[in-house]
Amino acid sequence: MKQSEKRNLTMVMDLYELTMANGYFNSGDKESRVAFDVFYRKNPDKGGFAIFAGLEQIIEYIESLRFEEEDIAYLRSLNIFTDDFLAYLKDFTFRGDIYAFPEGTIMYPNEPIITVVAPLIDAQLVETAILALVNHQSLVATKTRRIVRAAAGKAVADFGARRAHNMDAAVYGARAAYIGGAVGTATVLAGQMFDIPVSGTMAHSWIMYYQDEFEAFKTYAENYPDSTTLLVDTYDTLNSGIPNAIRTAKEVLEPMGKRLKGVRIDSGDLAYLSNKVREMLDEAGLEDCKIIVSNSLDEHTIRSLNNQKAKIDSYGVGERLITGASSEFSGDKISLLGAVYKIVAVEENGEFKPRIKISGNVEKITNPGLKKVYRIYDENGKAIADLLAKAEEDIDLTKDFRFVNPEMPWKNQYFTNCTAKNLQQKIFENGKLVYKIPSIHEIRDYVRQQLETEIWEEEQRFHNPHKHFMDMTPDYYEMKMNLLYDLRE
């Protein structure tokens, strides 16, 4: 299949999802209902939180689920599926319920970001696509927020398309970066698809094409007099680039009644150069000309530049943003969110019975059963913990409420003068969308509002952030412990 041909994203699945579905079908279990949770175990970069992104694309994927004739033909060619199962796939559509956090929600390890309650085959076939969408966009949104926080109010733009893992990663990474707080992107398709502001000027090749640097700057300014930003480090930033930029401002733009909007530095000692450039621009009467820098930036280099009082107005961030790359300071060797998809309940005689995965690694023991996830707020509106409760439980915070910290279950602890918000919302009901999809601008604002008003500053530290507590109601904790006791060797 050529890249230009239309792809059916239904086929983005691991083969074992189809082999299991085939087995369930042949065993007569295709209508059994189950529940799966999507959650992750560790925050990227040893941070204090992550940002949930990608829900809109999950919705598009679920609504488009279908197997085309050529898909069925390919599956038949593998010689591992029965004809009855392949005939069943011809008319397949998703029939289940999906619950999820609103996109942009600040999230923490081991809580169900998404819950799929559906017939067994339906729930099994969507695993890979859901995880791919959550893992990628949530990672990039989270990394971008770290970079934006380090920039301390200065603009951060996504310059990363050419360093992305592929073209889809560039486009959807730009979407996630905007959700995380970037002011825009250089990726044109992302701007077109998602209504993200786009920006960009020139490459070094533009300047190298012309006989000299001033001719290149002059030609560019004549073409874009209202938005002239010049790349000044092709030859010599201080001895050539900035003098020619100033000359362009004086000889080309000012006679047109225009101002030089900015200069960009893409190499060298950015702190030193930006300070010298600022002096030169100011002496030339270009105090309003902005200084933009790029070149393998991340949250730590940006924070260092700010600490050095570099005269920088905005940052263009490329590979470290679009790939969500872990910093050398985090100690992590790879960048990932690591969301997983685990069965938590099976319907038996009309009632969902909890299932639990146990492991020799304590952190891999799952939280079983259908459940609610509450965010608990103190009287000042700060989120002090998240709380897992059984699906049928109603919690009453009008009085002191006892909870269990699973890491210290012997302690007698209470929420006092607190309020709660149920984080999961119904997205699909019987395969039909019942959720109003917010705009990307609303999602971005939601992220900002949470971090500014609800989430503790201590959780937003880069190093040794405060741990957000994941507590349980006594009934939920007892149910989990009973399952572990019953499954003991």
Protein backbone atom coordinates (compact mmCIF):
# COMPACT_ATOMS: atom_id res chain seq x y z
CA MET A 1 0.00 0.00 0.00
CA LYS A 2 1.37 3.41 -0.92
CA GLN A 3 1.51 6.14 1.68
CA SER A 4 -0.77 8.28 -0.49
CA GLU A 5 -3.55 5.68 -0.29
CA LYS A 6 -6.14 6.04 2.43
CA ARG A 7 -5.32 4.10 5.60
CA ASN A 8 -7.88 2.34 7.75
CA LEU A 9 -6.76 3.06 11.30
CA THR A 10 -8.99 0.23 12.56
CA MET A 11 -6.10 -2.01 11.54
CA VAL A 12 -3.72 -0.29 13.96
CA MET A 13 -3.78 -3.16 16.43
CA ASP A 14 -1.50 -5.91 17.69
CA LEU A 15 -2.13 -9.27 16.07
CA TYR A 16 -2.89 -10.85 19.43
CA GLU A 17 -5.98 -8.68 19.75
CA LEU A 18 -7.37 -10.36 16.64
CA THR A 19 -6.26 -13.85 17.62
CA MET A 20 -7.91 -13.47 21.03
CA ALA A 21 -11.04 -12.00 19.45
CA ASN A 22 -11.15 -14.95 17.04
CA GLY A 23 -10.81 -17.33 19.97
CA TYR A 24 -13.52 -15.61 21.99
CA PHE A 25 -15.82 -15.67 18.95
CA ASN A 26 -15.29 -19.35 18.30
CA SER A 27 -15.84 -20.14 21.99
CA GLY A 28 -19.17 -18.31 22.02
CA ASP A 29 -17.95 -15.51 24.30
CA LYS A 30 -18.28 -12.55 21.95
CA GLU A 31 -21.21 -11.01 23.86
CA SER A 32 -19.66 -11.31 27.34
CA ARG A 33 -19.18 -7.82 28.78
CA VAL A 34 -15.94 -6.75 30.42
CA ALA A 35 -14.28 -3.62 31.73
CA PHE A 36 -10.74 -2.43 30.96
CA ASP A 37 -8.91 0.48 32.57
CA VAL A 38 -6.25 2.66 30.93
CA PHE A 39 -3.68 3.94 33.43
CA TYR A 40 0.04 4.56 33.75
CA ARG A 41 2.48 3.77 36.54
CA LYS A 42 5.08 6.53 36.58
CA ASN A 43 5.19 10.23 35.66
CA PRO A 44 7.58 11.13 32.82
CA ASP A 45 10.88 12.81 33.80
CA LYS A 46 10.23 11.90 37.46
CA GLY A 47 7.73 14.76 37.50
CA GLY A 48 4.81 15.29 39.82
CA PHE A 49 1.99 14.85 37.30
CA ALA A 50 1.08 14.29 33.65
CA ILE A 51 -1.47 15.86 31.30
CA PHE A 52 -4.13 13.72 29.61
CA ALA A 53 -4.22 14.37 25.86
CA GLY A 54 -5.46 12.55 22.78
CA LEU A 55 -9.12 12.00 23.72
CA GLU A 56 -10.46 13.75 20.63
CA GLN A 57 -8.49 11.38 18.39
CA ILE A 58 -9.74 8.38 20.40
CA ILE A 59 -13.28 9.55 19.76
CA GLU A 60 -12.58 9.87 16.01
CA TYR A 61 -11.05 6.40 16.02
CA ILE A 62 -14.00 4.76 17.83
CA GLU A 63 -16.52 6.43 15.54
CA SER A 64 -14.63 5.22 12.44
CA LEU A 65 -14.12 1.58 13.47
CA ARG A 66 -14.84 -0.73 10.55
CA PHE A 67 -13.15 -3.44 8.51
CA GLU A 68 -13.05 -2.87 4.74
CA GLU A 69 -13.07 -5.62 2.13
CA GLU A 70 -9.31 -5.29 1.60
CA ASP A 71 -8.76 -5.60 5.36
CA ILE A 72 -10.77 -8.81 5.50
CA ALA A 73 -8.87 -10.13 2.49
CA TYR A 74 -5.55 -9.44 4.17
CA LEU A 75 -6.65 -11.11 7.41
CA ARG A 76 -7.86 -14.14 5.44
CA SER A 77 -4.44 -14.39 3.80
CA LEU A 78 -2.86 -14.96 7.21
CA ASN A 79 -4.65 -18.31 7.43
CA ILE A 80 -5.29 -18.10 11.18
CA PHE A 81 -8.89 -16.84 11.38
CA THR A 82 -12.13 -18.72 10.80
CA ASP A 83 -14.47 -17.70 8.00
CA ASP A 84 -17.29 -17.09 10.49
CA PHE A 85 -15.12 -14.67 12.47
CA LEU A 86 -14.09 -12.79 9.33
CA ALA A 87 -17.73 -12.54 8.28
CA TYR A 88 -18.49 -11.11 11.73
CA LEU A 89 -15.79 -8.45 11.27
CA LYS A 90 -17.41 -7.23 8.02
CA ASP A 91 -20.27 -5.70 10.01
CA PHE A 92 -18.28 -4.79 13.13
CA THR A 93 -18.93 -1.51 14.93
CA PHE A 94 -18.09 -0.57 18.50
CA ARG A 95 -21.06 -1.17 20.84
CA GLY A 96 -19.68 -0.36 24.27
CA ASP A 97 -19.48 2.44 26.80
CA ILE A 98 -16.38 4.54 27.36
CA TYR A 99 -15.69 6.77 30.34
CA ALA A 100 -12.73 9.15 30.48
CA PHE A 101 -11.22 12.17 32.16
CA PRO A 102 -11.91 15.36 30.19
CA GLU A 103 -9.01 16.02 27.86
CA GLY A 104 -6.45 18.25 29.52
CA THR A 105 -7.04 16.85 33.01
CA ILE A 106 -3.99 16.75 35.28
CA MET A 107 -3.51 13.06 36.03
CA TYR A 108 -1.47 10.81 38.28
CA PRO A 109 -0.19 7.22 38.27
CA ASN A 110 -2.46 4.20 38.82
CA GLU A 111 -5.81 5.90 38.31
CA PRO A 112 -8.15 4.97 35.45
CA ILE A 113 -7.84 7.72 32.87
CA ILE A 114 -10.17 5.79 30.56
CA THR A 115 -12.52 2.89 31.27
CA VAL A 116 -13.93 0.77 28.44
CA VAL A 117 -17.04 -1.27 29.31
CA ALA A 118 -18.01 -3.31 26.30
CA PRO A 119 -18.58 -6.74 24.78
CA LEU A 120 -15.37 -8.72 25.06
CA ILE A 121 -14.34 -8.52 21.40
CA ASP A 122 -15.11 -4.78 21.19
CA ALA A 123 -13.04 -4.06 24.28
CA GLN A 124 -10.14 -6.20 23.07
CA LEU A 125 -9.81 -4.75 19.58
CA VAL A 126 -9.41 -1.09 20.62
CA GLU A 127 -6.47 -1.60 22.99
CA THR A 128 -3.48 -0.68 20.83
CA ALA A 129 -4.98 2.40 19.19
CA ILE A 130 -6.20 3.87 22.47
CA LEU A 131 -2.82 3.33 24.12
CA ALA A 132 -0.90 4.77 21.16
CA LEU A 133 -3.00 7.92 21.18
CA VAL A 134 -2.85 8.42 24.95
CA ASN A 135 0.83 7.63 25.31
CA HIS A 136 2.03 9.93 22.54
CA GLN A 137 -0.02 13.07 23.07
CA SER A 138 0.02 12.89 26.87
CA LEU A 139 3.80 12.60 26.86
CA VAL A 140 4.28 15.60 24.55
CA ALA A 141 1.72 17.74 26.39
CA THR A 142 3.40 16.97 29.70
CA LYS A 143 6.89 17.74 28.37
CA THR A 144 5.69 20.98 26.83
CA ARG A 145 4.21 22.11 30.12
CA ARG A 146 7.58 21.57 31.80
CA ILE A 147 9.25 23.67 29.10
CA VAL A 148 6.59 26.39 29.35
CA ARG A 149 7.00 26.48 33.14
CA ALA A 150 10.76 26.89 32.76
CA ALA A 151 10.22 29.75 30.31
CA ALA A 152 8.51 31.70 33.11
CA GLY A 153 6.09 33.70 30.98
CA LYS A 154 8.17 33.91 27.81
CA ALA A 155 6.59 32.38 24.72
CA VAL A 156 7.41 28.81 23.69
CA ALA A 157 6.70 27.65 20.12
CA ASP A 158 6.89 24.13 18.63
CA PHE A 159 9.70 23.92 16.07
CA GLY A 160 9.96 20.14 16.14
CA ALA A 161 8.36 18.62 13.03
CA ARG A 162 11.58 17.59 11.31
CA ARG A 163 12.78 15.86 14.49
CA ALA A 164 9.50 14.03 15.15
CA HIS A 165 9.38 10.26 14.84
CA ASN A 166 7.23 10.55 11.69
CA MET A 167 4.78 12.91 10.01
CA ASP A 168 1.81 11.89 12.16
CA ALA A 169 3.92 12.42 15.27
CA ALA A 170 4.79 15.90 14.03
CA VAL A 171 1.15 16.87 13.47
CA TYR A 172 -0.40 15.34 16.57
CA GLY A 173 2.64 16.29 18.63
CA ALA A 174 2.01 19.91 17.67
CA ARG A 175 -1.58 19.52 18.89
CA ALA A 176 -0.39 18.11 22.20
CA ALA A 177 2.23 20.85 22.55
CA TYR A 178 -0.45 23.52 22.15
CA ILE A 179 -2.54 21.82 24.82
CA GLY A 180 0.54 21.82 27.05
CA GLY A 181 0.99 25.58 26.67
CA ALA A 182 3.00 26.27 23.51
CA VAL A 183 1.82 29.46 21.79
CA GLY A 184 1.90 27.90 18.35
CA THR A 185 3.67 25.63 15.89
CA ALA A 186 5.76 25.77 12.75
CA THR A 187 3.88 22.72 11.37
CA VAL A 188 1.43 23.97 8.77
CA LEU A 189 -0.84 20.90 8.68
CA ALA A 190 -1.28 21.08 12.46
CA GLY A 191 -2.31 24.71 12.14
CA GLN A 192 -4.80 23.83 9.42
CA MET A 193 -6.28 20.81 11.20
CA PHE A 194 -6.47 22.11 14.74
CA ASP A 195 -6.68 25.92 14.49
CA ILE A 196 -3.27 26.37 16.12
CA PRO A 197 -1.37 29.60 15.41
CA VAL A 198 1.50 29.01 12.96
CA SER A 199 4.76 30.89 12.71
CA GLY A 200 8.04 30.67 10.85
CA THR A 201 10.47 32.74 8.87
CA MET A 202 13.49 31.38 7.02
CA ALA A 203 16.23 28.77 7.08
CA HIS A 204 19.96 29.28 6.77
CA SER A 205 19.60 28.14 3.15
CA TRP A 206 17.68 31.34 2.30
CA ILE A 207 20.64 33.44 3.40
CA MET A 208 23.24 31.16 1.81
CA TYR A 209 21.43 31.24 -1.54
CA TYR A 210 22.09 34.97 -2.00
CA GLN A 211 25.43 36.57 -2.72
CA ASP A 212 25.60 38.20 0.69
CA GLU A 213 23.69 38.34 3.96
CA PHE A 214 22.32 41.85 3.52
CA GLU A 215 20.85 40.97 0.11
CA ALA A 216 19.10 37.98 1.70
CA PHE A 217 17.71 40.10 4.54
CA LYS A 218 16.66 42.89 2.16
CA THR A 219 14.81 40.50 -0.14
CA TYR A 220 13.02 38.86 2.76
CA ALA A 221 11.98 42.20 4.26
CA GLU A 222 10.63 43.36 0.91
CA ASN A 223 8.49 40.23 0.72
CA TYR A 224 7.28 40.28 4.35
CA PRO A 225 7.52 43.88 5.58
CA ASP A 226 4.85 43.42 8.26
CA SER A 227 6.44 40.37 9.89
CA THR A 228 10.16 40.52 9.30
CA THR A 229 12.16 38.26 11.63
CA LEU A 230 15.73 37.61 10.52
CA LEU A 231 17.95 34.60 11.23
CA VAL A 232 21.25 36.21 12.23
CA ASP A 233 23.72 33.39 12.98
CA THR A 234 24.50 32.00 9.50
CA TYR A 235 27.96 33.58 9.37
CA ASP A 236 28.75 35.67 12.45
CA THR A 237 25.96 36.80 14.76
CA LEU A 238 27.60 39.90 16.24
CA ASN A 239 29.89 41.01 13.42
CA SER A 240 27.64 40.27 10.47
CA GLY A 241 24.13 39.12 11.32
CA ILE A 242 23.06 41.88 13.67
CA PRO A 243 24.73 44.74 11.74
CA ASN A 244 22.98 43.55 8.57
CA ALA A 245 19.68 43.18 10.43
CA ILE A 246 19.99 46.75 11.72
CA ARG A 247 20.85 47.97 8.24
CA THR A 248 17.75 46.17 6.91
CA ALA A 249 15.61 47.84 9.55
CA LYS A 250 16.96 51.30 8.69
CA GLU A 251 17.34 51.11 4.92
CA VAL A 252 14.50 48.80 3.91
CA LEU A 253 11.77 48.71 6.55
CA GLU A 254 11.75 52.19 8.08
CA PRO A 255 11.35 53.95 4.70
CA MET A 256 8.23 51.79 4.29
CA GLY A 257 6.99 52.82 7.73
CA LYS A 258 7.65 49.32 9.09
CA ARG A 259 9.59 47.95 12.05
CA LEU A 260 11.88 44.96 12.35
CA LYS A 261 9.83 42.46 14.34
CA GLY A 262 12.57 40.14 15.54
CA VAL A 263 15.87 38.35 15.15
CA ARG A 264 16.52 34.66 15.75
CA ILE A 265 19.69 33.06 17.07
CA ASP A 266 20.09 29.34 16.41
CA SER A 267 23.62 28.59 17.64
CA GLY A 268 26.39 29.65 19.97
CA ASP A 269 26.32 30.84 23.57
CA LEU A 270 22.71 31.97 23.68
CA ALA A 271 23.00 33.80 27.01
CA TYR A 272 26.06 35.80 25.96
CA LEU A 273 24.84 36.45 22.43
CA SER A 274 21.35 37.52 23.45
CA ASN A 275 22.74 40.11 25.86
CA LYS A 276 25.10 41.53 23.24
CA VAL A 277 22.37 41.50 20.60
CA ARG A 278 20.01 43.35 22.91
CA GLU A 279 22.61 46.06 23.49
CA MET A 280 23.21 46.47 19.76
CA LEU A 281 19.52 46.58 18.89
CA ASP A 282 18.73 49.08 21.65
CA GLU A 283 21.60 51.35 20.61
CA ALA A 284 20.14 51.34 17.10
CA GLY A 285 16.72 52.40 18.39
CA LEU A 286 15.20 48.94 17.92
CA GLU A 287 14.08 48.42 21.50
CA ASP A 288 10.88 46.77 20.28
CA CYS A 289 12.69 44.14 18.20
CA LYS A 290 12.24 40.72 19.81
CA ILE A 291 14.97 38.14 20.30
CA ILE A 292 14.00 34.53 19.58
CA VAL A 293 16.35 31.62 20.24
CA SER A 294 16.39 27.95 19.27
CA ASN A 295 18.92 25.06 19.21
CA SER A 296 18.24 21.85 21.18
CA LEU A 297 16.44 23.56 24.03
CA ASP A 298 14.60 21.89 26.90
CA GLU A 299 13.27 22.94 30.29
CA HIS A 300 16.70 22.83 31.91
CA THR A 301 18.57 24.87 29.30
CA ILE A 302 15.74 27.40 29.25
CA ARG A 303 15.75 27.70 33.03
CA SER A 304 19.53 28.16 32.93
CA LEU A 305 19.20 30.92 30.32
CA ASN A 306 16.62 32.70 32.44
CA ASN A 307 18.80 32.37 35.54
CA GLN A 308 21.66 33.94 33.56
CA LYS A 309 19.32 36.86 32.78
CA ALA A 310 19.59 36.23 29.05
CA LYS A 311 17.77 38.87 27.03
CA ILE A 312 15.43 36.43 25.28
CA ASP A 313 11.80 37.09 24.43
CA SER A 314 10.71 33.68 23.17
CA TYR A 315 11.92 30.15 22.58
CA GLY A 316 11.55 27.84 19.59
CA VAL A 317 11.84 24.28 20.89
CA GLY A 318 12.34 21.31 18.60
CA GLU A 319 13.33 17.70 19.24
CA ARG A 320 13.18 17.77 23.04
CA LEU A 321 9.55 18.91 22.85
CA ILE A 322 8.13 16.97 19.91
CA THR A 323 9.61 13.65 21.08
CA GLY A 324 8.97 14.28 24.78
CA ALA A 325 12.63 13.37 25.29
CA SER A 326 13.72 12.72 28.85
CA SER A 327 16.34 15.06 30.20
CA GLU A 328 19.72 13.82 31.35
CA PHE A 329 18.81 15.33 34.72
CA SER A 330 15.82 13.02 35.18
CA GLY A 331 17.87 9.84 35.19
CA ASP A 332 15.38 8.20 32.80
CA LYS A 333 16.95 6.59 29.76
CA ILE A 334 13.93 6.81 27.48
CA SER A 335 10.92 9.07 27.13
CA LEU A 336 7.54 7.44 27.63
CA LEU A 337 4.30 7.64 29.55
CA GLY A 338 3.82 3.91 29.62
CA ALA A 339 0.03 3.74 29.80
CA VAL A 340 -1.35 0.19 29.91
CA TYR A 341 -4.74 -1.44 29.28
CA LYS A 342 -5.81 -3.99 31.89
CA ILE A 343 -9.00 -5.95 32.44
CA VAL A 344 -10.59 -5.02 35.78
CA ALA A 345 -14.05 -6.64 35.73
CA VAL A 346 -16.10 -9.34 33.98
CA GLU A 347 -19.89 -9.47 33.88
CA GLU A 348 -21.31 -12.64 35.45
CA ASN A 349 -25.07 -13.18 35.72
CA GLY A 350 -25.73 -9.47 35.16
CA GLU A 351 -23.20 -8.26 37.72
CA PHE A 352 -19.63 -7.09 37.13
CA LYS A 353 -17.16 -9.11 39.18
CA PRO A 354 -13.73 -7.56 39.84
CA ARG A 355 -10.52 -8.97 38.40
CA ILE A 356 -7.01 -8.22 39.65
CA LYS A 357 -3.56 -8.78 38.19
CA ILE A 358 -0.96 -9.72 40.77
CA SER A 359 2.78 -9.57 40.29
CA GLY A 360 6.07 -10.03 42.05
CA ASN A 361 6.51 -6.29 41.46
CA VAL A 362 4.15 -4.50 43.84
CA GLU A 363 3.75 -1.54 41.46
CA LYS A 364 2.27 -3.88 38.82
CA ILE A 365 -0.63 -5.08 40.99
CA THR A 366 -3.73 -3.53 39.44
CA ASN A 367 -6.64 -1.71 41.05
CA PRO A 368 -9.60 -4.02 40.38
CA GLY A 369 -13.25 -3.55 39.62
CA LEU A 370 -15.51 -0.86 38.26
CA LYS A 371 -14.69 2.29 40.14
CA LYS A 372 -15.08 6.04 40.48
CA VAL A 373 -12.16 8.46 40.66
CA TYR A 374 -12.69 11.55 42.77
CA ARG A 375 -10.41 14.56 43.05
CA ILE A 376 -10.50 15.84 46.61
CA TYR A 377 -10.19 19.57 47.27
CA ASP A 378 -9.52 21.39 50.53
CA GLU A 379 -11.49 24.44 51.62
CA ASN A 380 -9.16 26.66 49.55
CA GLY A 381 -9.85 24.74 46.34
CA LYS A 382 -6.48 22.97 46.24
CA ALA A 383 -6.40 19.33 45.13
CA ILE A 384 -5.03 17.36 48.06
CA ALA A 385 -5.56 13.79 46.82
CA ASP A 386 -7.39 11.54 44.39
CA LEU A 387 -9.73 8.90 45.79
CA LEU A 388 -10.74 5.52 44.35
CA ALA A 389 -14.22 4.29 45.28
CA LYS A 390 -16.34 1.34 44.22
CA ALA A 391 -18.64 2.21 41.32
CA GLU A 392 -21.75 1.91 43.45
CA GLU A 393 -20.38 3.99 46.33
CA ASP A 394 -21.53 7.52 47.10
CA ILE A 395 -19.15 9.50 49.26
CA ASP A 396 -20.40 12.11 51.75
CA LEU A 397 -17.94 14.89 52.48
CA THR A 398 -20.39 17.01 54.45
CA LYS A 399 -18.79 15.38 57.48
CA ASP A 400 -15.37 13.93 58.21
CA PHE A 401 -14.70 11.13 55.73
CA ARG A 402 -12.37 8.27 56.58
CA PHE A 403 -10.07 7.06 53.81
CA VAL A 404 -7.24 4.57 53.43
CA ASN A 405 -3.79 5.44 52.15
CA PRO A 406 -2.78 2.08 50.62
CA GLU A 407 0.88 2.78 51.35
CA MET A 408 0.08 3.31 55.05
CA PRO A 409 -3.19 1.41 55.64
CA TRP A 410 -2.67 1.30 59.40
CA LYS A 411 -3.13 5.07 59.75
CA ASN A 412 -6.58 6.41 60.64
CA GLN A 413 -7.03 9.38 58.29
CA TYR A 414 -9.94 11.67 57.41
CA PHE A 415 -10.87 14.30 54.84
CA THR A 416 -12.22 17.32 56.74
CA ASN A 417 -13.98 20.33 55.19
CA CYS A 418 -13.33 18.96 51.72
CA THR A 419 -15.19 18.73 48.43
CA ALA A 420 -14.94 16.17 45.64
CA LYS A 421 -15.25 16.02 41.84
CA ASN A 422 -15.89 12.81 39.93
CA LEU A 423 -13.21 12.89 37.23
CA GLN A 424 -14.56 10.39 34.72
CA GLN A 425 -17.29 11.43 32.28
CA LYS A 426 -19.27 9.20 29.93
CA ILE A 427 -17.93 9.57 26.38
CA PHE A 428 -19.74 6.75 24.53
CA GLU A 429 -22.94 4.92 25.45
CA ASN A 430 -23.76 1.77 23.49
CA GLY A 431 -21.32 2.91 20.84
CA LYS A 432 -22.87 6.37 20.44
CA LEU A 433 -20.99 9.57 21.29
CA VAL A 434 -22.68 11.37 24.21
CA TYR A 435 -19.87 13.82 25.01
CA LYS A 436 -19.46 17.38 23.78
CA ILE A 437 -15.93 17.70 22.44
CA PRO A 438 -14.32 20.95 23.62
CA SER A 439 -12.21 23.10 21.32
CA ILE A 440 -8.45 22.83 21.54
CA HIS A 441 -8.38 26.34 23.00
CA GLU A 442 -10.77 25.28 25.77
CA ILE A 443 -8.60 22.24 26.53
CA ARG A 444 -5.48 24.43 26.69
CA ASP A 445 -7.21 26.89 29.04
CA TYR A 446 -8.38 23.98 31.22
CA VAL A 447 -4.79 22.80 31.66
CA ARG A 448 -3.66 26.30 32.62
CA GLN A 449 -6.56 26.82 35.05
CA GLN A 450 -5.84 23.59 36.92
CA LEU A 451 -2.14 24.30 37.28
CA GLU A 452 -2.68 27.89 38.36
CA THR A 453 -5.50 27.35 40.84
CA GLU A 454 -5.83 23.67 41.84
CA ILE A 455 -2.48 21.90 41.68
CA TRP A 456 0.08 22.62 44.38
CA GLU A 457 3.27 24.40 43.36
CA GLU A 458 5.14 21.67 45.22
CA GLU A 459 3.80 19.09 42.75
CA GLN A 460 5.07 21.18 39.85
CA ARG A 461 8.72 21.17 40.91
CA PHE A 462 11.15 19.59 38.45
CA HIS A 463 13.18 17.91 41.19
CA ASN A 464 11.70 15.84 44.02
CA PRO A 465 8.11 17.04 43.47
CA HIS A 466 5.55 16.48 46.20
CA LYS A 467 3.74 13.17 45.67
CA HIS A 468 0.04 13.44 44.95
CA PHE A 469 -1.77 10.92 47.14
CA MET A 470 -3.91 8.17 45.63
CA ASP A 471 -6.25 7.11 48.43
CA MET A 472 -9.08 4.59 48.62
CA THR A 473 -12.39 4.38 50.39
CA PRO A 474 -12.38 1.71 53.13
CA ASP A 475 -14.83 -0.41 51.12
CA TYR A 476 -12.71 -0.26 47.99
CA TYR A 477 -9.50 -1.06 49.89
CA GLU A 478 -11.19 -4.01 51.63
CA MET A 479 -12.42 -5.37 48.28
CA LYS A 480 -8.91 -5.19 46.82
CA MET A 481 -7.33 -6.86 49.83
CA ASN A 482 -9.92 -9.63 49.80
CA LEU A 483 -9.14 -10.36 46.16
CA LEU A 484 -5.44 -10.56 46.92
CA TYR A 485 -6.14 -12.83 49.90
CA ASP A 486 -8.34 -15.14 47.83
CA LEU A 487 -5.69 -15.41 45.09
CA ARG A 488 -2.79 -16.13 47.43
CA GLU A 489 -0.74 -19.22 46.72
